[in-house]
């Protein structure tokens, strides 16, 4: 989502409202901090997916950042290691020695 400083929004309000009418959404910032969201009427209504609304609110508050690229996320879980040895190997080795 694009950001727009409140000073720029005030000076070019008609232009931003036209863009919003075409489907754009903006986060309005004041001194770099998000303070509001500018979106087309009805796009943030209760008819939207509640999970998407919640994620959007969390992102808006700055707690998380959305993906940098569109598409599915690829996350590869990492096995915890202790001194270079995977934890599972240490547990299995300990059980064999017991």
PDB file of N, CA and C in Angstrom:
ATOM      1  N   UNK A   1       0.855  -1.161   0.000  1.00  0.00           N
ATOM      2  CA  UNK A   1       0.000   0.000   0.000  1.00  0.00           C
ATOM      3  C   UNK A   1       0.909   1.235   0.000  1.00  0.00           C
ATOM      4  N   UNK A   2       0.537   2.203  -0.780  1.00  0.00           N
ATOM      5  CA  UNK A   2       1.330   3.424  -0.890  1.00  0.00           C
ATOM      6  C   UNK A   2       1.057   4.342   0.292  1.00  0.00           C
ATOM      7  N   UNK A   3       2.065   5.138   0.643  1.00  0.00           N
ATOM      8  CA  UNK A   3       1.895   6.110   1.715  1.00  0.00           C
ATOM      9  C   UNK A   3       1.903   7.517   1.132  1.00  0.00           C
ATOM     10  N   UNK A   4       1.247   8.421   1.839  1.00  0.00           N
ATOM     11  CA  UNK A   4       1.201   9.824   1.422  1.00  0.00           C
ATOM     12  C   UNK A   4       1.258  10.696   2.674  1.00  0.00           C
ATOM     13  N   UNK A   5       2.183  11.643   2.713  1.00  0.00           N
ATOM     14  CA  UNK A   5       2.226  12.556   3.855  1.00  0.00           C
ATOM     15  C   UNK A   5       0.977  13.439   3.878  1.00  0.00           C
ATOM     16  N   UNK A   6       0.518  13.787   5.064  1.00  0.00           N
ATOM     17  CA  UNK A   6      -0.698  14.573   5.199  1.00  0.00           C
ATOM     18  C   UNK A   6      -0.562  15.918   4.476  1.00  0.00           C
ATOM     19  N   UNK A   7       0.627  16.501   4.487  1.00  0.00           N
ATOM     20  CA  UNK A   7       0.821  17.795   3.804  1.00  0.00           C
ATOM     21  C   UNK A   7       0.611  17.662   2.298  1.00  0.00           C
ATOM     22  N   UNK A   8       1.102  16.573   1.724  1.00  0.00           N
ATOM     23  CA  UNK A   8       0.927  16.348   0.285  1.00  0.00           C
ATOM     24  C   UNK A   8      -0.530  16.033  -0.033  1.00  0.00           C
ATOM     25  N   UNK A   9      -1.180  15.279   0.845  1.00  0.00           N
ATOM     26  CA  UNK A   9      -2.593  14.955   0.646  1.00  0.00           C
ATOM     27  C   UNK A   9      -3.435  16.232   0.645  1.00  0.00           C
ATOM     28  N   UNK A  10      -3.143  17.139   1.562  1.00  0.00           N
ATOM     29  CA  UNK A  10      -3.897  18.394   1.636  1.00  0.00           C
ATOM     30  C   UNK A  10      -3.737  19.220   0.368  1.00  0.00           C
ATOM     31  N   UNK A  11      -2.532  19.257  -0.172  1.00  0.00           N
ATOM     32  CA  UNK A  11      -2.301  20.104  -1.344  1.00  0.00           C
ATOM     33  C   UNK A  11      -2.785  19.470  -2.645  1.00  0.00           C
ATOM     34  N   UNK A  12      -2.952  18.134  -2.674  1.00  0.00           N
ATOM     35  CA  UNK A  12      -3.372  17.461  -3.905  1.00  0.00           C
ATOM     36  C   UNK A  12      -4.549  16.519  -3.645  1.00  0.00           C
ATOM     37  N   UNK A  13      -5.484  16.962  -2.809  1.00  0.00           N
ATOM     38  CA  UNK A  13      -6.602  16.121  -2.394  1.00  0.00           C
ATOM     39  C   UNK A  13      -7.412  15.591  -3.566  1.00  0.00           C
ATOM     40  N   UNK A  14      -7.756  16.426  -4.537  1.00  0.00           N
ATOM     41  CA  UNK A  14      -8.571  15.987  -5.676  1.00  0.00           C
ATOM     42  C   UNK A  14      -7.897  14.855  -6.439  1.00  0.00           C
ATOM     43  N   UNK A  15      -6.610  14.971  -6.625  1.00  0.00           N
ATOM     44  CA  UNK A  15      -5.855  13.931  -7.344  1.00  0.00           C
ATOM     45  C   UNK A  15      -5.903  12.602  -6.591  1.00  0.00           C
ATOM     46  N   UNK A  16      -5.710  12.641  -5.265  1.00  0.00           N
ATOM     47  CA  UNK A  16      -5.739  11.414  -4.477  1.00  0.00           C
ATOM     48  C   UNK A  16      -7.145  10.820  -4.408  1.00  0.00           C
ATOM     49  N   UNK A  17      -8.159  11.654  -4.320  1.00  0.00           N
ATOM     50  CA  UNK A  17      -9.531  11.145  -4.309  1.00  0.00           C
ATOM     51  C   UNK A  17      -9.877  10.470  -5.636  1.00  0.00           C
ATOM     52  N   UNK A  18      -9.384  11.017  -6.734  1.00  0.00           N
ATOM     53  CA  UNK A  18      -9.609  10.396  -8.046  1.00  0.00           C
ATOM     54  C   UNK A  18      -8.940   9.009  -8.087  1.00  0.00           C
ATOM     55  N   UNK A  19      -7.715   8.912  -7.564  1.00  0.00           N
ATOM     56  CA  UNK A  19      -7.006   7.630  -7.540  1.00  0.00           C
ATOM     57  C   UNK A  19      -7.724   6.624  -6.652  1.00  0.00           C
ATOM     58  N   UNK A  20      -8.238   7.091  -5.515  1.00  0.00           N
ATOM     59  CA  UNK A  20      -8.984   6.215  -4.616  1.00  0.00           C
ATOM     60  C   UNK A  20     -10.245   5.712  -5.312  1.00  0.00           C
ATOM     61  N   UNK A  21     -10.902   6.574  -6.056  1.00  0.00           N
ATOM     62  CA  UNK A  21     -12.084   6.173  -6.812  1.00  0.00           C
ATOM     63  C   UNK A  21     -11.778   5.112  -7.856  1.00  0.00           C
ATOM     64  N   UNK A  22     -10.527   5.056  -8.294  1.00  0.00           N
ATOM     65  CA  UNK A  22     -10.105   4.053  -9.276  1.00  0.00           C
ATOM     66  C   UNK A  22      -9.589   2.787  -8.593  1.00  0.00           C
ATOM     67  N   UNK A  23      -9.658   2.735  -7.258  1.00  0.00           N
ATOM     68  CA  UNK A  23      -9.294   1.523  -6.538  1.00  0.00           C
ATOM     69  C   UNK A  23      -8.002   1.594  -5.737  1.00  0.00           C
ATOM     70  N   UNK A  24      -7.285   2.697  -5.794  1.00  0.00           N
ATOM     71  CA  UNK A  24      -6.041   2.817  -5.027  1.00  0.00           C
ATOM     72  C   UNK A  24      -6.346   3.010  -3.542  1.00  0.00           C
ATOM     73  N   UNK A  25      -5.397   2.623  -2.713  1.00  0.00           N
ATOM     74  CA  UNK A  25      -5.511   2.815  -1.265  1.00  0.00           C
ATOM     75  C   UNK A  25      -4.218   3.449  -0.779  1.00  0.00           C
ATOM     76  N   UNK A  26      -4.327   4.315   0.214  1.00  0.00           N
ATOM     77  CA  UNK A  26      -3.172   5.021   0.725  1.00  0.00           C
ATOM     78  C   UNK A  26      -3.171   5.012   2.245  1.00  0.00           C
ATOM     79  N   UNK A  27      -1.985   4.979   2.817  1.00  0.00           N
ATOM     80  CA  UNK A  27      -1.811   5.202   4.240  1.00  0.00           C
ATOM     81  C   UNK A  27      -1.346   6.646   4.386  1.00  0.00           C
ATOM     82  N   UNK A  28      -2.085   7.427   5.151  1.00  0.00           N
ATOM     83  CA  UNK A  28      -1.749   8.823   5.371  1.00  0.00           C
ATOM     84  C   UNK A  28      -0.794   8.882   6.566  1.00  0.00           C
ATOM     85  N   UNK A  29       0.345   9.575   6.388  1.00  0.00           N
ATOM     86  CA  UNK A  29       1.344   9.650   7.443  1.00  0.00           C
ATOM     87  C   UNK A  29       1.513  11.089   7.924  1.00  0.00           C
ATOM     88  N   UNK A  30       1.857  11.214   9.186  1.00  0.00           N
ATOM     89  CA  UNK A  30       2.185  12.505   9.775  1.00  0.00           C
ATOM     90  C   UNK A  30       3.539  12.353  10.449  1.00  0.00           C
ATOM     91  N   UNK A  31       4.532  13.028   9.914  1.00  0.00           N
ATOM     92  CA  UNK A  31       5.916  12.924  10.387  1.00  0.00           C
ATOM     93  C   UNK A  31       6.409  11.482  10.335  1.00  0.00           C
ATOM     94  N   UNK A  32       5.997  10.783   9.284  1.00  0.00           N
ATOM     95  CA  UNK A  32       6.450   9.412   9.071  1.00  0.00           C
ATOM     96  C   UNK A  32       5.654   8.336   9.785  1.00  0.00           C
ATOM     97  N   UNK A  33       4.717   8.716  10.654  1.00  0.00           N
ATOM     98  CA  UNK A  33       3.910   7.736  11.382  1.00  0.00           C
ATOM     99  C   UNK A  33       2.543   7.603  10.722  1.00  0.00           C
ATOM    100  N   UNK A  34       2.076   6.381  10.476  1.00  0.00           N
ATOM    101  CA  UNK A  34       0.748   6.199   9.892  1.00  0.00           C
ATOM    102  C   UNK A  34      -0.336   6.693  10.847  1.00  0.00           C
ATOM    103  N   UNK A  35      -1.276   7.472  10.296  1.00  0.00           N
ATOM    104  CA  UNK A  35      -2.360   7.995  11.143  1.00  0.00           C
ATOM    105  C   UNK A  35      -3.742   7.659  10.592  1.00  0.00           C
ATOM    106  N   UNK A  36      -3.815   7.354   9.299  1.00  0.00           N
ATOM    107  CA  UNK A  36      -5.126   7.073   8.711  1.00  0.00           C
ATOM    108  C   UNK A  36      -4.940   6.284   7.428  1.00  0.00           C
ATOM    109  N   UNK A  37      -6.052   5.753   6.972  1.00  0.00           N
ATOM    110  CA  UNK A  37      -6.056   5.034   5.695  1.00  0.00           C
ATOM    111  C   UNK A  37      -7.100   5.680   4.796  1.00  0.00           C
ATOM    112  N   UNK A  38      -6.734   5.851   3.550  1.00  0.00           N
ATOM    113  CA  UNK A  38      -7.641   6.442   2.572  1.00  0.00           C
ATOM    114  C   UNK A  38      -7.998   5.346   1.566  1.00  0.00           C
ATOM    115  N   UNK A  39      -9.280   4.983   1.529  1.00  0.00           N
ATOM    116  CA  UNK A  39      -9.737   3.918   0.639  1.00  0.00           C
ATOM    117  C   UNK A  39     -11.131   4.264   0.144  1.00  0.00           C
ATOM    118  N   UNK A  40     -11.551   3.614  -0.937  1.00  0.00           N
ATOM    119  CA  UNK A  40     -12.876   3.852  -1.497  1.00  0.00           C
ATOM    120  C   UNK A  40     -13.951   3.477  -0.477  1.00  0.00           C
ATOM    121  N   UNK A  41     -15.053   4.201  -0.514  1.00  0.00           N
ATOM    122  CA  UNK A  41     -16.154   3.976   0.407  1.00  0.00           C
ATOM    123  C   UNK A  41     -16.652   2.529   0.296  1.00  0.00           C
ATOM    124  N   UNK A  42     -16.801   1.872   1.436  1.00  0.00           N
ATOM    125  CA  UNK A  42     -17.333   0.518   1.473  1.00  0.00           C
ATOM    126  C   UNK A  42     -16.289  -0.574   1.363  1.00  0.00           C
ATOM    127  N   UNK A  43     -15.046  -0.248   1.065  1.00  0.00           N
ATOM    128  CA  UNK A  43     -14.037  -1.300   0.921  1.00  0.00           C
ATOM    129  C   UNK A  43     -13.563  -1.828   2.259  1.00  0.00           C
ATOM    130  N   UNK A  44     -13.763  -1.095   3.321  1.00  0.00           N
ATOM    131  CA  UNK A  44     -13.371  -1.562   4.647  1.00  0.00           C
ATOM    132  C   UNK A  44     -14.594  -1.908   5.489  1.00  0.00           C
ATOM    133  N   UNK A  45     -15.711  -2.182   4.831  1.00  0.00           N
ATOM    134  CA  UNK A  45     -16.944  -2.472   5.565  1.00  0.00           C
ATOM    135  C   UNK A  45     -16.895  -3.861   6.179  1.00  0.00           C
ATOM    136  N   UNK A  46     -17.891  -4.176   6.965  1.00  0.00           N
ATOM    137  CA  UNK A  46     -17.940  -5.463   7.654  1.00  0.00           C
ATOM    138  C   UNK A  46     -18.202  -6.615   6.702  1.00  0.00           C
ATOM    139  N   UNK A  47     -18.540  -6.355   5.450  1.00  0.00           N
ATOM    140  CA  UNK A  47     -18.764  -7.429   4.491  1.00  0.00           C
ATOM    141  C   UNK A  47     -17.472  -8.057   4.002  1.00  0.00           C
ATOM    142  N   UNK A  48     -16.351  -7.460   4.321  1.00  0.00           N
ATOM    143  CA  UNK A  48     -15.063  -7.994   3.884  1.00  0.00           C
ATOM    144  C   UNK A  48     -14.651  -9.170   4.771  1.00  0.00           C
ATOM    145  N   UNK A  49     -13.671  -9.926   4.305  1.00  0.00           N
ATOM    146  CA  UNK A  49     -13.147 -11.074   5.032  1.00  0.00           C
ATOM    147  C   UNK A  49     -12.547 -10.600   6.360  1.00  0.00           C
ATOM    148  N   UNK A  50     -13.028 -11.104   7.500  1.00  0.00           N
ATOM    149  CA  UNK A  50     -12.535 -10.624   8.794  1.00  0.00           C
ATOM    150  C   UNK A  50     -11.041 -10.874   9.011  1.00  0.00           C
ATOM    151  N   UNK A  51     -10.521 -11.955   8.449  1.00  0.00           N
ATOM    152  CA  UNK A  51      -9.093 -12.242   8.591  1.00  0.00           C
ATOM    153  C   UNK A  51      -8.275 -11.191   7.851  1.00  0.00           C
ATOM    154  N   UNK A  52      -8.715 -10.834   6.635  1.00  0.00           N
ATOM    155  CA  UNK A  52      -8.010  -9.807   5.871  1.00  0.00           C
ATOM    156  C   UNK A  52      -8.073  -8.461   6.581  1.00  0.00           C
ATOM    157  N   UNK A  53      -9.219  -8.153   7.175  1.00  0.00           N
ATOM    158  CA  UNK A  53      -9.357  -6.895   7.913  1.00  0.00           C
ATOM    159  C   UNK A  53      -8.392  -6.872   9.091  1.00  0.00           C
ATOM    160  N   UNK A  54      -8.332  -7.972   9.848  1.00  0.00           N
ATOM    161  CA  UNK A  54      -7.444  -8.051  11.006  1.00  0.00           C
ATOM    162  C   UNK A  54      -5.983  -7.918  10.580  1.00  0.00           C
ATOM    163  N   UNK A  55      -5.589  -8.643   9.541  1.00  0.00           N
ATOM    164  CA  UNK A  55      -4.213  -8.545   9.052  1.00  0.00           C
ATOM    165  C   UNK A  55      -3.897  -7.134   8.582  1.00  0.00           C
ATOM    166  N   UNK A  56      -4.857  -6.515   7.923  1.00  0.00           N
ATOM    167  CA  UNK A  56      -4.648  -5.155   7.446  1.00  0.00           C
ATOM    168  C   UNK A  56      -4.481  -4.194   8.623  1.00  0.00           C
ATOM    169  N   UNK A  57      -5.279  -4.367   9.673  1.00  0.00           N
ATOM    170  CA  UNK A  57      -5.169  -3.499  10.846  1.00  0.00           C
ATOM    171  C   UNK A  57      -3.813  -3.666  11.524  1.00  0.00           C
ATOM    172  N   UNK A  58      -3.342  -4.891  11.622  1.00  0.00           N
ATOM    173  CA  UNK A  58      -2.033  -5.141  12.241  1.00  0.00           C
ATOM    174  C   UNK A  58      -0.928  -4.512  11.406  1.00  0.00           C
ATOM    175  N   UNK A  59      -1.031  -4.658  10.086  1.00  0.00           N
ATOM    176  CA  UNK A  59      -0.038  -4.043   9.202  1.00  0.00           C
ATOM    177  C   UNK A  59      -0.101  -2.517   9.305  1.00  0.00           C
ATOM    178  N   UNK A  60      -1.299  -1.980   9.384  1.00  0.00           N
ATOM    179  CA  UNK A  60      -1.484  -0.535   9.457  1.00  0.00           C
ATOM    180  C   UNK A  60      -0.836   0.047  10.710  1.00  0.00           C
ATOM    181  N   UNK A  61      -0.926  -0.700  11.829  1.00  0.00           N
ATOM    182  CA  UNK A  61      -0.317  -0.233  13.080  1.00  0.00           C
ATOM    183  C   UNK A  61       1.202  -0.319  13.058  1.00  0.00           C
ATOM    184  N   UNK A  62       1.737  -1.013  12.067  1.00  0.00           N
ATOM    185  CA  UNK A  62       3.187  -1.127  11.963  1.00  0.00           C
ATOM    186  C   UNK A  62       3.760  -2.312  12.705  1.00  0.00           C
ATOM    187  N   UNK A  63       2.898  -3.215  13.209  1.00  0.00           N
ATOM    188  CA  UNK A  63       3.390  -4.387  13.925  1.00  0.00           C
ATOM    189  C   UNK A  63       4.037  -5.397  12.988  1.00  0.00           C
ATOM    190  N   UNK A  64       3.523  -5.484  11.781  1.00  0.00           N
ATOM    191  CA  UNK A  64       4.089  -6.382  10.771  1.00  0.00           C
ATOM    192  C   UNK A  64       4.148  -5.645   9.447  1.00  0.00           C
ATOM    193  N   UNK A  65       4.905  -6.213   8.527  1.00  0.00           N
ATOM    194  CA  UNK A  65       4.978  -5.653   7.178  1.00  0.00           C
ATOM    195  C   UNK A  65       4.500  -6.724   6.214  1.00  0.00           C
ATOM    196  N   UNK A  66       3.728  -6.324   5.239  1.00  0.00           N
ATOM    197  CA  UNK A  66       3.214  -7.257   4.247  1.00  0.00           C
ATOM    198  C   UNK A  66       4.326  -7.790   3.357  1.00  0.00           C
ATOM    199  N   UNK A  67       4.016  -8.794   2.537  1.00  0.00           N
ATOM    200  CA  UNK A  67       5.033  -9.369   1.658  1.00  0.00           C
ATOM    201  C   UNK A  67       5.544  -8.343   0.651  1.00  0.00           C
ATOM    202  N   UNK A  68       6.815  -8.472   0.290  1.00  0.00           N
ATOM    203  CA  UNK A  68       7.409  -7.558  -0.670  1.00  0.00           C
ATOM    204  C   UNK A  68       7.052  -7.929  -2.103  1.00  0.00           C
ATOM    205  N   UNK A  69       6.784  -9.218  -2.337  1.00  0.00           N
ATOM    206  CA  UNK A  69       6.430  -9.687  -3.671  1.00  0.00           C
ATOM    207  C   UNK A  69       5.056 -10.365  -3.613  1.00  0.00           C
ATOM    208  N   UNK A  70       4.260 -10.250  -4.682  1.00  0.00           N
ATOM    209  CA  UNK A  70       2.980 -10.964  -4.691  1.00  0.00           C
ATOM    210  C   UNK A  70       3.209 -12.461  -4.863  1.00  0.00           C
ATOM    211  N   UNK A  71       2.233 -13.236  -4.467  1.00  0.00           N
ATOM    212  CA  UNK A  71       2.319 -14.685  -4.639  1.00  0.00           C
ATOM    213  C   UNK A  71       2.461 -15.388  -3.309  1.00  0.00           C
ATOM    214  N   UNK A  72       2.506 -16.729  -3.366  1.00  0.00           N
ATOM    215  CA  UNK A  72       2.597 -17.506  -2.126  1.00  0.00           C
ATOM    216  C   UNK A  72       3.946 -17.312  -1.446  1.00  0.00           C
ATOM    217  N   UNK A  73       3.922 -17.413  -0.127  1.00  0.00           N
ATOM    218  CA  UNK A  73       5.145 -17.285   0.642  1.00  0.00           C
ATOM    219  C   UNK A  73       5.867 -18.618   0.669  1.00  0.00           C
ATOM    220  N   UNK A  74       7.170 -18.589   0.582  1.00  0.00           N
ATOM    221  CA  UNK A  74       7.938 -19.821   0.695  1.00  0.00           C
ATOM    222  C   UNK A  74       8.761 -19.733   1.971  1.00  0.00           C
ATOM    223  N   UNK A  75       8.381 -20.546   2.925  1.00  0.00           N
ATOM    224  CA  UNK A  75       9.063 -20.554   4.213  1.00  0.00           C
ATOM    225  C   UNK A  75       9.618 -21.939   4.430  1.00  0.00           C
ATOM    226  N   UNK A  76      10.903 -22.013   4.663  1.00  0.00           N
ATOM    227  CA  UNK A  76      11.546 -23.290   4.950  1.00  0.00           C
ATOM    228  C   UNK A  76      11.884 -23.314   6.428  1.00  0.00           C
ATOM    229  N   UNK A  77      11.250 -24.220   7.189  1.00  0.00           N
ATOM    230  CA  UNK A  77      11.552 -24.260   8.619  1.00  0.00           C
ATOM    231  C   UNK A  77      12.985 -24.733   8.847  1.00  0.00           C
ATOM    232  N   UNK A  78      13.620 -24.179   9.838  1.00  0.00           N
ATOM    233  CA  UNK A  78      14.981 -24.569  10.170  1.00  0.00           C
ATOM    234  C   UNK A  78      14.962 -25.426  11.418  1.00  0.00           C
ATOM    235  N   UNK A  79      15.770 -26.478  11.408  1.00  0.00           N
ATOM    236  CA  UNK A  79      15.888 -27.324  12.589  1.00  0.00           C
ATOM    237  C   UNK A  79      16.834 -26.650  13.573  1.00  0.00           C
ATOM    238  N   UNK A  80      16.451 -26.590  14.842  1.00  0.00           N
ATOM    239  CA  UNK A  80      17.345 -25.973  15.821  1.00  0.00           C
ATOM    240  C   UNK A  80      18.637 -26.764  15.961  1.00  0.00           C
ATOM    241  N   UNK A  81      19.736 -26.076  16.136  1.00  0.00           N
ATOM    242  CA  UNK A  81      21.041 -26.722  16.279  1.00  0.00           C
ATOM    243  C   UNK A  81      21.697 -26.278  17.587  1.00  0.00           C
ATOM    244  N   UNK A  82      22.420 -27.207  18.196  1.00  0.00           N
ATOM    245  CA  UNK A  82      23.197 -26.921  19.383  1.00  0.00           C
ATOM    246  C   UNK A  82      24.635 -27.287  19.077  1.00  0.00           C
ATOM    247  N   UNK A  83      25.473 -26.306  18.985  1.00  0.00           N
ATOM    248  CA  UNK A  83      26.893 -26.499  18.689  1.00  0.00           C
ATOM    249  C   UNK A  83      27.078 -27.265  17.388  1.00  0.00           C
ATOM    250  N   UNK A  84      26.265 -26.968  16.382  1.00  0.00           N
ATOM    251  CA  UNK A  84      26.415 -27.581  15.070  1.00  0.00           C
ATOM    252  C   UNK A  84      25.681 -28.890  14.891  1.00  0.00           C
ATOM    253  N   UNK A  85      25.130 -29.463  15.952  1.00  0.00           N
ATOM    254  CA  UNK A  85      24.413 -30.736  15.851  1.00  0.00           C
ATOM    255  C   UNK A  85      22.924 -30.475  15.975  1.00  0.00           C
ATOM    256  N   UNK A  86      22.107 -31.028  15.054  1.00  0.00           N
ATOM    257  CA  UNK A  86      20.664 -30.837  15.174  1.00  0.00           C
ATOM    258  C   UNK A  86      20.141 -31.365  16.507  1.00  0.00           C
ATOM    259  N   UNK A  87      19.208 -30.650  17.104  1.00  0.00           N
ATOM    260  CA  UNK A  87      18.663 -31.015  18.412  1.00  0.00           C
ATOM    261  C   UNK A  87      18.068 -32.423  18.400  1.00  0.00           C
ATOM    262  N   UNK A  88      17.384 -32.797  17.316  1.00  0.00           N
ATOM    263  CA  UNK A  88      16.787 -34.124  17.251  1.00  0.00           C
ATOM    264  C   UNK A  88      17.855 -35.208  17.333  1.00  0.00           C
ATOM    265  N   UNK A  89      18.979 -34.990  16.679  1.00  0.00           N
ATOM    266  CA  UNK A  89      20.063 -35.976  16.737  1.00  0.00           C
ATOM    267  C   UNK A  89      20.592 -36.128  18.161  1.00  0.00           C
ATOM    268  N   UNK A  90      20.699 -35.024  18.897  1.00  0.00           N
ATOM    269  CA  UNK A  90      21.155 -35.083  20.282  1.00  0.00           C
ATOM    270  C   UNK A  90      20.169 -35.854  21.159  1.00  0.00           C
ATOM    271  N   UNK A  91      18.878 -35.632  20.934  1.00  0.00           N
ATOM    272  CA  UNK A  91      17.853 -36.339  21.720  1.00  0.00           C
ATOM    273  C   UNK A  91      17.910 -37.831  21.438  1.00  0.00           C
ATOM    274  N   UNK A  92      17.989 -38.205  20.162  1.00  0.00           N
ATOM    275  CA  UNK A  92      18.048 -39.625  19.808  1.00  0.00           C
ATOM    276  C   UNK A  92      19.317 -40.285  20.343  1.00  0.00           C
ATOM    277  N   UNK A  93      20.421 -39.579  20.290  1.00  0.00           N
ATOM    278  CA  UNK A  93      21.687 -40.102  20.799  1.00  0.00           C
ATOM    279  C   UNK A  93      21.583 -40.322  22.319  1.00  0.00           C
ATOM    280  N   UNK A  94      20.964 -39.387  23.026  1.00  0.00           N
ATOM    281  CA  UNK A  94      20.788 -39.497  24.465  1.00  0.00           C
ATOM    282  C   UNK A  94      19.899 -40.691  24.807  1.00  0.00           C
ATOM    283  N   UNK A  95      18.857 -40.918  24.036  1.00  0.00           N
ATOM    284  CA  UNK A  95      17.960 -42.053  24.289  1.00  0.00           C
ATOM    285  C   UNK A  95      18.664 -43.388  24.064  1.00  0.00           C
ATOM    286  N   UNK A  96      19.548 -43.425  23.055  1.00  0.00           N
ATOM    287  CA  UNK A  96      20.288 -44.663  22.786  1.00  0.00           C
ATOM    288  C   UNK A  96      21.268 -44.975  23.903  1.00  0.00           C
ATOM    289  N   UNK A  97      21.807 -43.934  24.521  1.00  0.00           N
ATOM    290  CA  UNK A  97      22.791 -44.120  25.600  1.00  0.00           C
ATOM    291  C   UNK A  97      22.135 -44.412  26.942  1.00  0.00           C
ATOM    292  N   UNK A  98      20.820 -44.244  27.046  1.00  0.00           N
ATOM    293  CA  UNK A  98      20.134 -44.459  28.333  1.00  0.00           C
ATOM    294  C   UNK A  98      19.838 -45.902  28.583  1.00  0.00           C
TER     295      UNK A  98
END
